[in-house]
């Protein structure tokens, strides 16, 4: 008697997108292609096009999966705490998927999930009492930090030997403030890949600096016309 054929999980848009996210997590976004994704799912490439029209739609979809991992706004907290919690949740999602920030920046228009997230963040400011004028400028000031990432001035670099004392002395003689900052910078292996500043601390420091300033402007009734 012939054994029954193994039941295959039906292909769906969600299954395709989650497999694409897993592929990108394993090999980076450069490893994601329709052909490789089809192979991973055990289907022919044409089967994917019933669920994603092309590579651009696939990339939009994986962005939406990642943004969907961001926690919803907490209840009972003021606008400042709620905004902070959501942005740090967004940052955690992007840290789980290190390629995601690059893909978000590459999109010519925001995806539906990104638009929904931005809408909810604007809503937190507005429902917290901020004027539309101040909220407009806040969104400019927050920039990509609202989505959990920022373009850092000091990016993580491959680990290198620290400068020899003579080289540091020469640096201090020419660029004393750069040398002073280099000596004072805190480093941790837990927050960045390779040598570098404590990226998580710097992100939260800048986030709190912005939120404190926004709160001060809100309380003072600030308007851009001033």
N, C-alpha and C. Protein backbone atom coordinates (compact mmCIF):
# COMPACT_ATOMS: atom_id res chain seq x y z
N UNK A 1 0.85 -1.20 0.00
CA UNK A 1 0.00 0.00 0.00
C UNK A 1 0.88 1.24 0.00
N UNK A 2 0.60 2.17 -0.90
CA UNK A 2 1.41 3.39 -1.01
C UNK A 2 1.10 4.33 0.15
N UNK A 3 2.14 4.79 0.90
CA UNK A 3 1.89 5.71 2.02
C UNK A 3 1.32 7.01 1.51
N UNK A 4 0.45 7.66 2.32
CA UNK A 4 -0.14 8.94 1.88
C UNK A 4 0.94 9.99 1.71
N UNK A 5 0.75 10.84 0.72
CA UNK A 5 1.73 11.91 0.46
C UNK A 5 1.74 12.89 1.64
N UNK A 6 2.93 13.38 1.96
CA UNK A 6 3.07 14.33 3.06
C UNK A 6 2.38 15.64 2.69
N UNK A 7 1.56 16.11 3.60
CA UNK A 7 0.81 17.33 3.33
C UNK A 7 1.73 18.54 3.41
N UNK A 8 1.78 19.31 2.34
CA UNK A 8 2.66 20.48 2.29
C UNK A 8 1.90 21.71 2.80
N UNK A 9 2.60 22.53 3.60
CA UNK A 9 2.00 23.77 4.09
C UNK A 9 1.72 24.69 2.91
N UNK A 10 0.48 25.13 2.75
CA UNK A 10 0.17 25.99 1.60
C UNK A 10 1.01 27.27 1.61
N UNK A 11 1.36 27.72 0.43
CA UNK A 11 2.10 28.97 0.30
C UNK A 11 1.14 30.14 0.52
N UNK A 12 1.58 31.12 1.27
CA UNK A 12 0.78 32.32 1.52
C UNK A 12 1.72 33.51 1.53
N UNK A 13 1.16 34.69 1.44
CA UNK A 13 1.99 35.90 1.47
C UNK A 13 2.77 35.98 2.78
N UNK A 14 2.10 35.68 3.90
CA UNK A 14 2.78 35.74 5.19
C UNK A 14 3.92 34.75 5.26
N UNK A 15 3.70 33.53 4.78
CA UNK A 15 4.77 32.53 4.81
C UNK A 15 5.95 32.96 3.94
N UNK A 16 5.66 33.52 2.77
CA UNK A 16 6.72 34.00 1.88
C UNK A 16 7.53 35.09 2.56
N UNK A 17 6.85 36.06 3.18
CA UNK A 17 7.55 37.19 3.79
C UNK A 17 8.36 36.77 5.01
N UNK A 18 7.82 35.86 5.80
CA UNK A 18 8.57 35.42 6.99
C UNK A 18 9.79 34.60 6.58
N UNK A 19 9.67 33.83 5.52
CA UNK A 19 10.84 33.09 5.02
C UNK A 19 11.88 34.06 4.48
N UNK A 20 11.43 35.16 3.85
CA UNK A 20 12.35 36.17 3.33
C UNK A 20 13.09 36.86 4.47
N UNK A 21 12.38 37.16 5.55
CA UNK A 21 13.02 37.77 6.72
C UNK A 21 14.07 36.83 7.29
N UNK A 22 13.74 35.55 7.41
CA UNK A 22 14.69 34.57 7.95
C UNK A 22 15.93 34.47 7.06
N UNK A 23 15.73 34.50 5.74
CA UNK A 23 16.87 34.46 4.81
C UNK A 23 17.78 35.66 5.01
N UNK A 24 17.16 36.85 5.11
CA UNK A 24 17.95 38.07 5.29
C UNK A 24 18.66 38.05 6.64
N UNK A 25 18.01 37.52 7.66
CA UNK A 25 18.66 37.42 8.98
C UNK A 25 19.89 36.52 8.91
N UNK A 26 19.80 35.46 8.14
CA UNK A 26 20.90 34.49 8.05
C UNK A 26 22.07 34.99 7.21
N UNK A 27 21.75 35.64 6.08
CA UNK A 27 22.82 35.97 5.14
C UNK A 27 22.91 37.42 4.74
N UNK A 28 22.12 38.29 5.38
CA UNK A 28 22.13 39.70 4.98
C UNK A 28 21.15 39.93 3.85
N UNK A 29 20.75 41.17 3.66
CA UNK A 29 19.74 41.48 2.65
C UNK A 29 20.25 41.18 1.24
N UNK A 30 21.56 41.21 1.04
CA UNK A 30 22.12 40.93 -0.28
C UNK A 30 21.86 39.48 -0.70
N UNK A 31 21.65 38.60 0.29
CA UNK A 31 21.43 37.18 -0.02
C UNK A 31 19.99 36.89 -0.43
N UNK A 32 19.12 37.88 -0.30
CA UNK A 32 17.70 37.66 -0.58
C UNK A 32 17.40 37.86 -2.07
N UNK A 33 16.98 36.80 -2.72
CA UNK A 33 16.56 36.86 -4.12
C UNK A 33 15.32 35.99 -4.28
N UNK A 34 14.55 36.25 -5.33
CA UNK A 34 13.35 35.46 -5.57
C UNK A 34 13.71 33.99 -5.78
N UNK A 35 14.79 33.75 -6.52
CA UNK A 35 15.19 32.38 -6.81
C UNK A 35 15.60 31.64 -5.53
N UNK A 36 16.40 32.30 -4.69
CA UNK A 36 16.84 31.63 -3.46
C UNK A 36 15.68 31.44 -2.50
N UNK A 37 14.78 32.42 -2.45
CA UNK A 37 13.62 32.31 -1.57
C UNK A 37 12.73 31.14 -2.01
N UNK A 38 12.54 31.01 -3.32
CA UNK A 38 11.74 29.89 -3.84
C UNK A 38 12.38 28.56 -3.46
N UNK A 39 13.69 28.46 -3.58
CA UNK A 39 14.40 27.24 -3.22
C UNK A 39 14.20 26.92 -1.74
N UNK A 40 14.28 27.96 -0.90
CA UNK A 40 14.11 27.79 0.55
C UNK A 40 12.71 27.26 0.87
N UNK A 41 11.71 27.70 0.11
CA UNK A 41 10.33 27.29 0.35
C UNK A 41 9.95 26.01 -0.38
N UNK A 42 10.86 25.54 -1.23
CA UNK A 42 10.60 24.30 -1.97
C UNK A 42 9.57 24.46 -3.07
N UNK A 43 9.58 25.63 -3.72
CA UNK A 43 8.64 25.88 -4.82
C UNK A 43 9.42 26.43 -6.01
N UNK A 44 8.76 26.52 -7.15
CA UNK A 44 9.39 27.16 -8.31
C UNK A 44 9.25 28.68 -8.14
N UNK A 45 10.20 29.47 -8.68
CA UNK A 45 10.13 30.92 -8.51
C UNK A 45 8.81 31.54 -8.93
N UNK A 46 8.19 31.01 -9.98
CA UNK A 46 6.92 31.59 -10.45
C UNK A 46 5.83 31.52 -9.40
N UNK A 47 5.92 30.56 -8.49
CA UNK A 47 4.89 30.42 -7.45
C UNK A 47 4.89 31.62 -6.50
N UNK A 48 6.05 32.26 -6.36
CA UNK A 48 6.14 33.41 -5.46
C UNK A 48 5.36 34.61 -5.99
N UNK A 49 5.28 34.72 -7.31
CA UNK A 49 4.68 35.92 -7.91
C UNK A 49 3.17 35.99 -7.72
N UNK A 50 2.57 34.93 -7.20
CA UNK A 50 1.16 34.99 -6.83
C UNK A 50 0.98 35.78 -5.52
N UNK A 51 2.08 35.94 -4.79
CA UNK A 51 2.00 36.56 -3.47
C UNK A 51 2.78 37.88 -3.37
N UNK A 52 3.86 38.00 -4.15
CA UNK A 52 4.62 39.26 -4.25
C UNK A 52 4.93 39.49 -5.72
N UNK A 53 4.59 40.66 -6.21
CA UNK A 53 4.67 40.91 -7.65
C UNK A 53 6.10 40.96 -8.17
N UNK A 54 7.02 41.42 -7.33
CA UNK A 54 8.42 41.59 -7.76
C UNK A 54 9.31 41.79 -6.53
N UNK A 55 10.59 42.02 -6.75
CA UNK A 55 11.54 42.16 -5.65
C UNK A 55 11.21 43.39 -4.80
N UNK A 56 10.78 44.49 -5.44
CA UNK A 56 10.43 45.68 -4.67
C UNK A 56 9.29 45.40 -3.70
N UNK A 57 8.28 44.68 -4.17
CA UNK A 57 7.15 44.36 -3.29
C UNK A 57 7.59 43.42 -2.18
N UNK A 58 8.55 42.56 -2.48
CA UNK A 58 9.10 41.67 -1.46
C UNK A 58 9.80 42.48 -0.37
N UNK A 59 10.60 43.47 -0.79
CA UNK A 59 11.31 44.30 0.18
C UNK A 59 10.34 45.13 1.02
N UNK A 60 9.30 45.66 0.38
CA UNK A 60 8.26 46.37 1.14
C UNK A 60 7.65 45.43 2.18
N UNK A 61 7.43 44.20 1.77
CA UNK A 61 6.80 43.23 2.67
C UNK A 61 7.65 42.88 3.87
N UNK A 62 8.96 42.71 3.66
CA UNK A 62 9.80 42.35 4.80
C UNK A 62 9.92 43.54 5.77
N UNK A 63 9.88 44.76 5.24
CA UNK A 63 9.85 45.94 6.12
C UNK A 63 8.60 45.89 6.99
N UNK A 64 7.46 45.57 6.39
CA UNK A 64 6.21 45.51 7.14
C UNK A 64 6.25 44.43 8.22
N UNK A 65 6.91 43.30 7.94
CA UNK A 65 7.04 42.25 8.96
C UNK A 65 7.83 42.77 10.15
N UNK A 66 8.95 43.45 9.89
CA UNK A 66 9.78 43.96 10.98
C UNK A 66 9.04 45.03 11.77
N UNK A 67 8.41 45.97 11.08
CA UNK A 67 7.67 47.04 11.77
C UNK A 67 6.52 46.44 12.59
N UNK A 68 5.97 45.33 12.12
CA UNK A 68 4.91 44.67 12.86
C UNK A 68 5.36 44.09 14.18
N UNK A 69 6.67 43.97 14.40
CA UNK A 69 7.20 43.47 15.66
C UNK A 69 7.29 44.55 16.73
N UNK A 70 7.08 45.81 16.36
CA UNK A 70 7.16 46.91 17.33
C UNK A 70 5.96 46.84 18.28
N UNK A 71 6.23 46.95 19.56
CA UNK A 71 5.15 46.88 20.56
C UNK A 71 4.15 48.00 20.36
N UNK A 72 2.88 47.74 20.64
CA UNK A 72 1.88 48.82 20.58
C UNK A 72 2.11 49.81 21.70
N UNK A 73 1.53 51.02 21.62
CA UNK A 73 1.73 52.01 22.69
C UNK A 73 1.22 51.47 24.02
N UNK A 74 1.97 51.77 25.08
CA UNK A 74 1.54 51.38 26.42
C UNK A 74 0.35 52.22 26.86
N UNK A 75 -0.46 51.67 27.72
CA UNK A 75 -1.63 52.41 28.21
C UNK A 75 -1.31 53.04 29.56
N UNK A 76 -1.89 54.21 29.78
CA UNK A 76 -1.75 54.86 31.09
C UNK A 76 -0.52 55.72 31.24
N UNK A 77 0.40 55.67 30.29
CA UNK A 77 1.62 56.47 30.39
C UNK A 77 1.40 57.81 29.69
N UNK A 78 2.15 58.83 30.10
CA UNK A 78 2.11 60.11 29.41
C UNK A 78 2.73 59.97 28.03
N UNK A 79 2.57 61.02 27.20
CA UNK A 79 3.06 60.94 25.82
C UNK A 79 4.55 60.69 25.76
N UNK A 80 5.30 61.30 26.66
CA UNK A 80 6.76 61.20 26.61
C UNK A 80 7.22 59.76 26.87
N UNK A 81 6.66 59.14 27.92
CA UNK A 81 7.03 57.75 28.25
C UNK A 81 6.57 56.81 27.15
N UNK A 82 5.37 57.06 26.59
CA UNK A 82 4.84 56.18 25.54
C UNK A 82 5.69 56.25 24.28
N UNK A 83 6.10 57.47 23.90
CA UNK A 83 6.94 57.66 22.72
C UNK A 83 8.28 56.97 22.93
N UNK A 84 8.86 57.16 24.10
CA UNK A 84 10.16 56.55 24.41
C UNK A 84 10.08 55.02 24.33
N UNK A 85 9.03 54.46 24.92
CA UNK A 85 8.88 53.00 24.94
C UNK A 85 8.75 52.45 23.53
N UNK A 86 7.98 53.12 22.68
CA UNK A 86 7.78 52.62 21.32
C UNK A 86 9.05 52.73 20.49
N UNK A 87 9.77 53.83 20.64
CA UNK A 87 11.00 53.99 19.86
C UNK A 87 12.03 52.95 20.28
N UNK A 88 12.13 52.67 21.57
CA UNK A 88 13.09 51.66 22.01
C UNK A 88 12.64 50.26 21.57
N UNK A 89 11.33 50.03 21.48
CA UNK A 89 10.83 48.77 20.93
C UNK A 89 11.18 48.66 19.45
N UNK A 90 11.04 49.79 18.72
CA UNK A 90 11.43 49.80 17.31
C UNK A 90 12.92 49.50 17.17
N UNK A 91 13.71 50.07 18.05
CA UNK A 91 15.15 49.83 18.00
C UNK A 91 15.47 48.36 18.25
N UNK A 92 14.77 47.74 19.18
CA UNK A 92 14.99 46.31 19.45
C UNK A 92 14.65 45.48 18.22
N UNK A 93 13.56 45.84 17.54
CA UNK A 93 13.17 45.11 16.33
C UNK A 93 14.25 45.23 15.26
N UNK A 94 14.81 46.43 15.09
CA UNK A 94 15.85 46.62 14.07
C UNK A 94 17.16 45.95 14.47
N UNK A 95 17.41 45.83 15.76
CA UNK A 95 18.61 45.13 16.19
C UNK A 95 18.49 43.62 15.96
N UNK A 96 17.26 43.10 16.03
CA UNK A 96 17.05 41.68 15.71
C UNK A 96 17.23 41.42 14.22
N UNK A 97 17.01 42.45 13.41
CA UNK A 97 17.12 42.33 11.95
C UNK A 97 18.05 43.45 11.48
N UNK A 98 19.34 43.22 11.54
CA UNK A 98 20.33 44.29 11.35
C UNK A 98 20.29 44.90 9.95
N UNK A 99 19.68 44.24 8.99
CA UNK A 99 19.58 44.72 7.61
C UNK A 99 18.40 45.66 7.41
N UNK A 100 17.47 45.71 8.36
CA UNK A 100 16.18 46.38 8.14
C UNK A 100 16.30 47.88 7.95
N UNK A 101 17.18 48.53 8.72
CA UNK A 101 17.31 49.99 8.58
C UNK A 101 17.72 50.36 7.16
N UNK A 102 18.65 49.59 6.61
CA UNK A 102 19.11 49.83 5.23
C UNK A 102 17.95 49.71 4.24
N UNK A 103 17.09 48.72 4.43
CA UNK A 103 15.97 48.52 3.51
C UNK A 103 14.93 49.62 3.69
N UNK A 104 14.65 50.01 4.93
CA UNK A 104 13.70 51.10 5.18
C UNK A 104 14.16 52.37 4.47
N UNK A 105 15.45 52.68 4.58
CA UNK A 105 15.99 53.88 3.94
C UNK A 105 15.94 53.78 2.42
N UNK A 106 15.95 52.57 1.89
CA UNK A 106 15.99 52.40 0.43
C UNK A 106 14.62 52.55 -0.23
N UNK A 107 13.55 52.50 0.56
CA UNK A 107 12.21 52.57 -0.01
C UNK A 107 11.89 54.00 -0.45
N UNK A 108 11.38 54.15 -1.66
CA UNK A 108 11.06 55.49 -2.18
C UNK A 108 9.83 56.09 -1.52
N UNK A 109 8.92 55.23 -1.09
CA UNK A 109 7.73 55.69 -0.34
C UNK A 109 7.56 54.78 0.86
N UNK A 110 7.02 55.31 1.97
CA UNK A 110 6.82 54.47 3.16
C UNK A 110 5.83 53.35 2.88
N UNK A 111 6.07 52.19 3.44
CA UNK A 111 5.15 51.07 3.30
C UNK A 111 3.91 51.32 4.16
N UNK A 112 2.90 50.49 3.99
CA UNK A 112 1.67 50.68 4.75
C UNK A 112 1.91 50.54 6.25
N UNK A 113 2.76 49.59 6.65
CA UNK A 113 3.03 49.41 8.08
C UNK A 113 3.83 50.58 8.65
N UNK A 114 4.77 51.10 7.86
CA UNK A 114 5.53 52.27 8.32
C UNK A 114 4.61 53.48 8.46
N UNK A 115 3.70 53.67 7.50
CA UNK A 115 2.75 54.78 7.59
C UNK A 115 1.85 54.64 8.82
N UNK A 116 1.40 53.42 9.09
CA UNK A 116 0.54 53.20 10.26
C UNK A 116 1.31 53.49 11.55
N UNK A 117 2.58 53.09 11.59
CA UNK A 117 3.42 53.34 12.77
C UNK A 117 3.64 54.84 12.95
N UNK A 118 3.99 55.54 11.86
CA UNK A 118 4.21 56.99 11.95
C UNK A 118 2.92 57.70 12.37
N UNK A 119 1.79 57.24 11.84
CA UNK A 119 0.51 57.84 12.20
C UNK A 119 0.25 57.70 13.70
N UNK A 120 0.55 56.52 14.24
CA UNK A 120 0.32 56.29 15.67
C UNK A 120 1.26 57.14 16.52
N UNK A 121 2.50 57.33 16.04
CA UNK A 121 3.46 58.16 16.79
C UNK A 121 3.04 59.62 16.78
N UNK A 122 2.61 60.11 15.62
CA UNK A 122 2.10 61.48 15.55
C UNK A 122 0.90 61.61 16.48
N UNK A 123 0.06 60.58 16.51
CA UNK A 123 -1.09 60.58 17.40
C UNK A 123 -0.72 60.69 18.86
N UNK A 124 0.38 60.04 19.27
CA UNK A 124 0.82 60.14 20.67
C UNK A 124 1.18 61.59 21.03
N UNK A 125 1.85 62.27 20.11
CA UNK A 125 2.19 63.68 20.35
C UNK A 125 0.93 64.54 20.41
N UNK A 126 0.04 64.35 19.44
CA UNK A 126 -1.16 65.19 19.36
C UNK A 126 -2.10 64.93 20.53
N UNK A 127 -2.30 63.65 20.87
CA UNK A 127 -3.17 63.33 22.00
C UNK A 127 -2.54 63.72 23.33
N UNK A 128 -1.20 63.91 23.33
CA UNK A 128 -0.51 64.41 24.52
C UNK A 128 -0.62 65.91 24.67
N UNK A 129 -1.26 66.57 23.70
CA UNK A 129 -1.50 68.00 23.80
C UNK A 129 -0.58 68.86 22.97
N UNK A 130 0.39 68.27 22.27
CA UNK A 130 1.29 69.07 21.45
C UNK A 130 0.53 69.65 20.27
N UNK A 131 0.84 70.89 19.92
CA UNK A 131 0.20 71.51 18.76
C UNK A 131 0.66 70.82 17.48
N UNK A 132 -0.10 70.97 16.42
CA UNK A 132 0.30 70.39 15.14
C UNK A 132 1.58 71.06 14.64
N UNK A 133 1.75 72.33 14.96
CA UNK A 133 2.95 73.07 14.58
C UNK A 133 4.18 72.44 15.23
N UNK A 134 4.12 72.25 16.55
CA UNK A 134 5.25 71.67 17.26
C UNK A 134 5.47 70.22 16.82
N UNK A 135 4.39 69.47 16.65
CA UNK A 135 4.51 68.07 16.22
C UNK A 135 5.20 67.96 14.87
N UNK A 136 4.88 68.86 13.96
CA UNK A 136 5.52 68.89 12.65
C UNK A 136 7.03 69.00 12.79
N UNK A 137 7.49 69.95 13.62
CA UNK A 137 8.93 70.16 13.78
C UNK A 137 9.57 69.02 14.58
N UNK A 138 8.81 68.44 15.51
CA UNK A 138 9.31 67.30 16.28
C UNK A 138 9.63 66.14 15.35
N UNK A 139 8.75 65.86 14.39
CA UNK A 139 8.99 64.74 13.48
C UNK A 139 10.24 64.97 12.64
N UNK A 140 10.49 66.23 12.26
CA UNK A 140 11.73 66.54 11.55
C UNK A 140 12.94 66.30 12.46
N UNK A 141 12.83 66.76 13.70
CA UNK A 141 13.97 66.65 14.63
C UNK A 141 14.27 65.19 14.97
N UNK A 142 13.23 64.39 15.13
CA UNK A 142 13.43 62.99 15.48
C UNK A 142 14.03 62.21 14.31
N UNK A 143 13.61 62.56 13.09
CA UNK A 143 14.17 61.89 11.92
C UNK A 143 14.01 60.38 11.99
N UNK A 144 15.02 59.65 11.56
CA UNK A 144 14.94 58.19 11.54
C UNK A 144 14.93 57.61 12.94
N UNK A 145 15.30 58.41 13.95
CA UNK A 145 15.28 57.90 15.33
C UNK A 145 13.86 57.46 15.72
N UNK A 146 12.85 58.06 15.11
CA UNK A 146 11.47 57.67 15.40
C UNK A 146 11.23 56.21 15.03
N UNK A 147 12.03 55.70 14.07
CA UNK A 147 11.92 54.31 13.63
C UNK A 147 12.96 53.40 14.29
N UNK A 148 13.73 53.96 15.22
CA UNK A 148 14.64 53.12 15.99
C UNK A 148 16.07 53.08 15.51
N UNK A 149 16.44 53.94 14.56
CA UNK A 149 17.83 53.96 14.14
C UNK A 149 18.23 55.40 13.82
N UNK A 150 19.52 55.63 13.77
CA UNK A 150 20.01 56.96 13.43
C UNK A 150 21.34 56.82 12.73
N UNK A 151 21.66 57.83 11.93
CA UNK A 151 22.94 57.86 11.24
C UNK A 151 23.97 58.44 12.20
N UNK A 152 24.83 57.60 12.73
CA UNK A 152 25.79 58.04 13.73
C UNK A 152 27.02 58.68 13.09
N UNK A 153 27.56 59.68 13.78
CA UNK A 153 28.80 60.31 13.32
C UNK A 153 29.97 59.33 13.46
N UNK A 154 29.98 58.60 14.58
CA UNK A 154 31.05 57.64 14.83
C UNK A 154 30.49 56.24 14.64
N UNK A 155 30.70 55.66 13.47
CA UNK A 155 30.16 54.34 13.18
C UNK A 155 31.09 53.27 13.71
N UNK A 156 30.50 52.11 13.98
CA UNK A 156 31.31 51.00 14.46
C UNK A 156 32.31 50.58 13.40
N UNK A 157 33.52 50.31 13.81
CA UNK A 157 34.59 49.94 12.89
C UNK A 157 35.19 48.61 13.32
N UNK A 158 35.89 47.92 12.42
CA UNK A 158 36.54 46.68 12.83
C UNK A 158 37.51 46.93 13.98
N UNK A 159 37.65 45.94 14.83
CA UNK A 159 38.53 46.08 15.98
C UNK A 159 39.96 46.34 15.53
N UNK A 160 40.59 47.32 16.14
CA UNK A 160 41.98 47.64 15.83
C UNK A 160 42.72 47.83 17.13
N UNK A 161 44.04 47.75 17.04
CA UNK A 161 44.86 47.99 18.22
C UNK A 161 44.75 49.47 18.62
N UNK A 162 44.68 49.76 19.92
CA UNK A 162 44.62 51.17 20.34
C UNK A 162 45.89 51.89 19.91
N UNK A 163 45.79 53.21 19.65
CA UNK A 163 46.98 53.96 19.22
C UNK A 163 48.09 53.88 20.26
N UNK A 164 49.30 53.79 19.77
CA UNK A 164 50.45 53.79 20.67
C UNK A 164 50.53 55.14 21.38
N UNK A 165 51.11 55.18 22.58
CA UNK A 165 51.21 56.44 23.32
C UNK A 165 51.81 57.58 22.49
N UNK A 166 52.81 57.26 21.67
CA UNK A 166 53.45 58.30 20.86
C UNK A 166 52.46 58.86 19.84
N UNK A 167 51.67 57.94 19.22
CA UNK A 167 50.68 58.38 18.24
C UNK A 167 49.59 59.21 18.90
N UNK A 168 49.17 58.80 20.10
CA UNK A 168 48.16 59.56 20.83
C UNK A 168 48.69 60.94 21.21
N UNK A 169 49.95 60.99 21.58
CA UNK A 169 50.55 62.28 21.94
C UNK A 169 50.60 63.20 20.71
N UNK A 170 50.92 62.62 19.54
CA UNK A 170 50.94 63.42 18.32
C UNK A 170 49.55 63.91 17.96
N UNK A 171 48.56 63.02 18.12
CA UNK A 171 47.17 63.40 17.87
C UNK A 171 46.75 64.54 18.79
N UNK A 172 47.12 64.43 20.06
CA UNK A 172 46.75 65.45 21.03
C UNK A 172 47.41 66.78 20.71
N UNK A 173 48.63 66.73 20.16
CA UNK A 173 49.31 67.97 19.81
C UNK A 173 48.66 68.70 18.65
N UNK A 174 48.07 67.93 17.72
CA UNK A 174 47.45 68.54 16.53
C UNK A 174 45.95 68.78 16.72
N UNK A 175 45.29 67.78 17.30
CA UNK A 175 43.83 67.85 17.49
C UNK A 175 43.51 67.53 18.95
N UNK A 176 43.75 68.46 19.84
CA UNK A 176 43.62 68.17 21.28
C UNK A 176 42.22 67.74 21.70
N UNK A 177 41.19 68.33 21.10
CA UNK A 177 39.83 67.97 21.53
C UNK A 177 39.42 66.59 21.02
N UNK A 178 39.88 66.23 19.82
CA UNK A 178 39.63 64.89 19.30
C UNK A 178 40.30 63.85 20.20
N UNK A 179 41.52 64.12 20.59
CA UNK A 179 42.25 63.19 21.45
C UNK A 179 41.59 63.08 22.82
N UNK A 180 41.12 64.20 23.33
CA UNK A 180 40.44 64.21 24.63
C UNK A 180 39.17 63.36 24.57
N UNK A 181 38.41 63.52 23.48
CA UNK A 181 37.18 62.75 23.32
C UNK A 181 37.49 61.26 23.16
N UNK A 182 38.54 60.94 22.41
CA UNK A 182 38.91 59.54 22.19
C UNK A 182 39.27 58.86 23.51
N UNK A 183 39.93 59.60 24.40
CA UNK A 183 40.30 59.03 25.69
C UNK A 183 39.09 58.83 26.58
N UNK A 184 38.11 59.73 26.46
CA UNK A 184 36.97 59.71 27.38
C UNK A 184 35.85 58.78 26.94
N UNK A 185 35.82 58.41 25.65
CA UNK A 185 34.69 57.63 25.11
C UNK A 185 34.59 56.28 25.79
N UNK A 186 33.37 55.94 26.22
CA UNK A 186 33.14 54.63 26.82
C UNK A 186 32.95 53.60 25.72
N UNK A 187 33.41 52.38 25.96
CA UNK A 187 33.27 51.31 24.97
C UNK A 187 32.65 50.09 25.62
N UNK A 188 31.90 49.36 24.85
CA UNK A 188 31.32 48.11 25.32
C UNK A 188 31.22 47.14 24.16
N UNK A 189 31.40 45.87 24.44
CA UNK A 189 31.27 44.85 23.38
C UNK A 189 29.83 44.39 23.23
N UNK A 190 28.94 44.80 24.15
CA UNK A 190 27.57 44.31 24.14
C UNK A 190 26.66 45.08 23.20
N UNK A 191 27.04 46.34 22.87
CA UNK A 191 26.10 47.20 22.15
C UNK A 191 26.45 47.38 20.69
N UNK A 192 27.68 47.19 20.33
CA UNK A 192 28.07 47.39 18.94
C UNK A 192 28.83 46.16 18.45
N UNK A 193 28.90 46.03 17.14
CA UNK A 193 29.66 44.93 16.55
C UNK A 193 31.09 45.43 16.35
N UNK A 194 32.01 44.81 17.06
CA UNK A 194 33.39 45.29 16.98
C UNK A 194 33.62 46.43 17.96
N UNK A 195 34.76 47.09 17.78
CA UNK A 195 35.12 48.19 18.68
C UNK A 195 34.25 49.40 18.37
N UNK A 196 33.96 50.19 19.37
CA UNK A 196 33.17 51.40 19.14
C UNK A 196 32.55 51.90 20.42
N UNK A 197 31.86 53.04 20.31
CA UNK A 197 31.17 53.60 21.46
C UNK A 197 29.96 52.74 21.81
N UNK A 198 29.43 52.96 23.02
CA UNK A 198 28.26 52.23 23.47
C UNK A 198 27.05 52.77 22.71
N UNK A 199 26.71 52.10 21.63
CA UNK A 199 25.70 52.59 20.70
C UNK A 199 24.33 52.72 21.36
N UNK A 200 23.97 51.75 22.21
CA UNK A 200 22.67 51.81 22.87
C UNK A 200 22.58 53.01 23.81
N UNK A 201 23.64 53.23 24.58
CA UNK A 201 23.66 54.38 25.49
C UNK A 201 23.55 55.68 24.71
N UNK A 202 24.31 55.81 23.62
CA UNK A 202 24.29 57.04 22.84
C UNK A 202 22.91 57.26 22.22
N UNK A 203 22.27 56.19 21.76
CA UNK A 203 20.94 56.32 21.18
C UNK A 203 19.95 56.82 22.22
N UNK A 204 19.95 56.21 23.41
CA UNK A 204 19.01 56.61 24.46
C UNK A 204 19.33 58.02 24.97
N UNK A 205 20.60 58.37 25.05
CA UNK A 205 20.98 59.71 25.49
C UNK A 205 20.40 60.76 24.55
N UNK A 206 20.57 60.56 23.23
CA UNK A 206 20.04 61.51 22.25
C UNK A 206 18.51 61.52 22.25
N UNK A 207 17.91 60.35 22.41
CA UNK A 207 16.45 60.27 22.46
C UNK A 207 15.91 61.05 23.66
N UNK A 208 16.51 60.86 24.84
CA UNK A 208 16.05 61.57 26.03
C UNK A 208 16.30 63.08 25.92
N UNK A 209 17.41 63.44 25.30
CA UNK A 209 17.72 64.85 25.09
C UNK A 209 16.63 65.51 24.24
N UNK A 210 16.23 64.82 23.16
CA UNK A 210 15.18 65.33 22.29
C UNK A 210 13.84 65.41 23.02
N UNK A 211 13.48 64.34 23.73
CA UNK A 211 12.19 64.31 24.41
C UNK A 211 12.10 65.37 25.50
N UNK A 212 13.19 65.58 26.24
CA UNK A 212 13.21 66.64 27.26
C UNK A 212 13.01 68.01 26.63
N UNK A 213 13.69 68.23 25.51
CA UNK A 213 13.56 69.51 24.82
C UNK A 213 12.16 69.72 24.26
N UNK A 214 11.58 68.64 23.71
CA UNK A 214 10.21 68.73 23.17
C UNK A 214 9.23 69.05 24.30
N UNK A 215 9.41 68.38 25.45
CA UNK A 215 8.52 68.64 26.60
C UNK A 215 8.63 70.09 27.05
N UNK A 216 9.84 70.62 27.09
CA UNK A 216 10.04 72.02 27.51
C UNK A 216 9.35 72.98 26.55
N UNK A 217 9.50 72.74 25.25
CA UNK A 217 8.85 73.60 24.26
C UNK A 217 7.32 73.51 24.36
N UNK A 218 6.81 72.31 24.59
CA UNK A 218 5.36 72.14 24.72
C UNK A 218 4.83 72.92 25.92
N UNK A 219 5.54 72.83 27.04
CA UNK A 219 5.08 73.53 28.25
C UNK A 219 5.13 75.04 28.10
N UNK A 220 6.06 75.52 27.29
CA UNK A 220 6.21 76.96 27.12
C UNK A 220 5.27 77.53 26.05
N UNK A 221 4.50 76.63 25.39
CA UNK A 221 3.60 77.08 24.34
C UNK A 221 4.32 77.53 23.08
N UNK A 222 5.46 76.92 22.80
CA UNK A 222 6.30 77.31 21.66
C UNK A 222 5.54 77.22 20.34
N UNK A 223 5.77 78.20 19.47
CA UNK A 223 5.23 78.20 18.10
C UNK A 223 6.35 78.59 17.15
N UNK A 224 6.35 77.99 15.95
CA UNK A 224 7.43 78.28 15.01
C UNK A 224 7.43 79.73 14.57
N UNK A 225 6.27 80.38 14.61
CA UNK A 225 6.18 81.79 14.17
C UNK A 225 7.03 82.69 15.07
N UNK A 226 7.34 82.22 16.30
CA UNK A 226 8.18 83.03 17.19
C UNK A 226 9.60 83.15 16.65
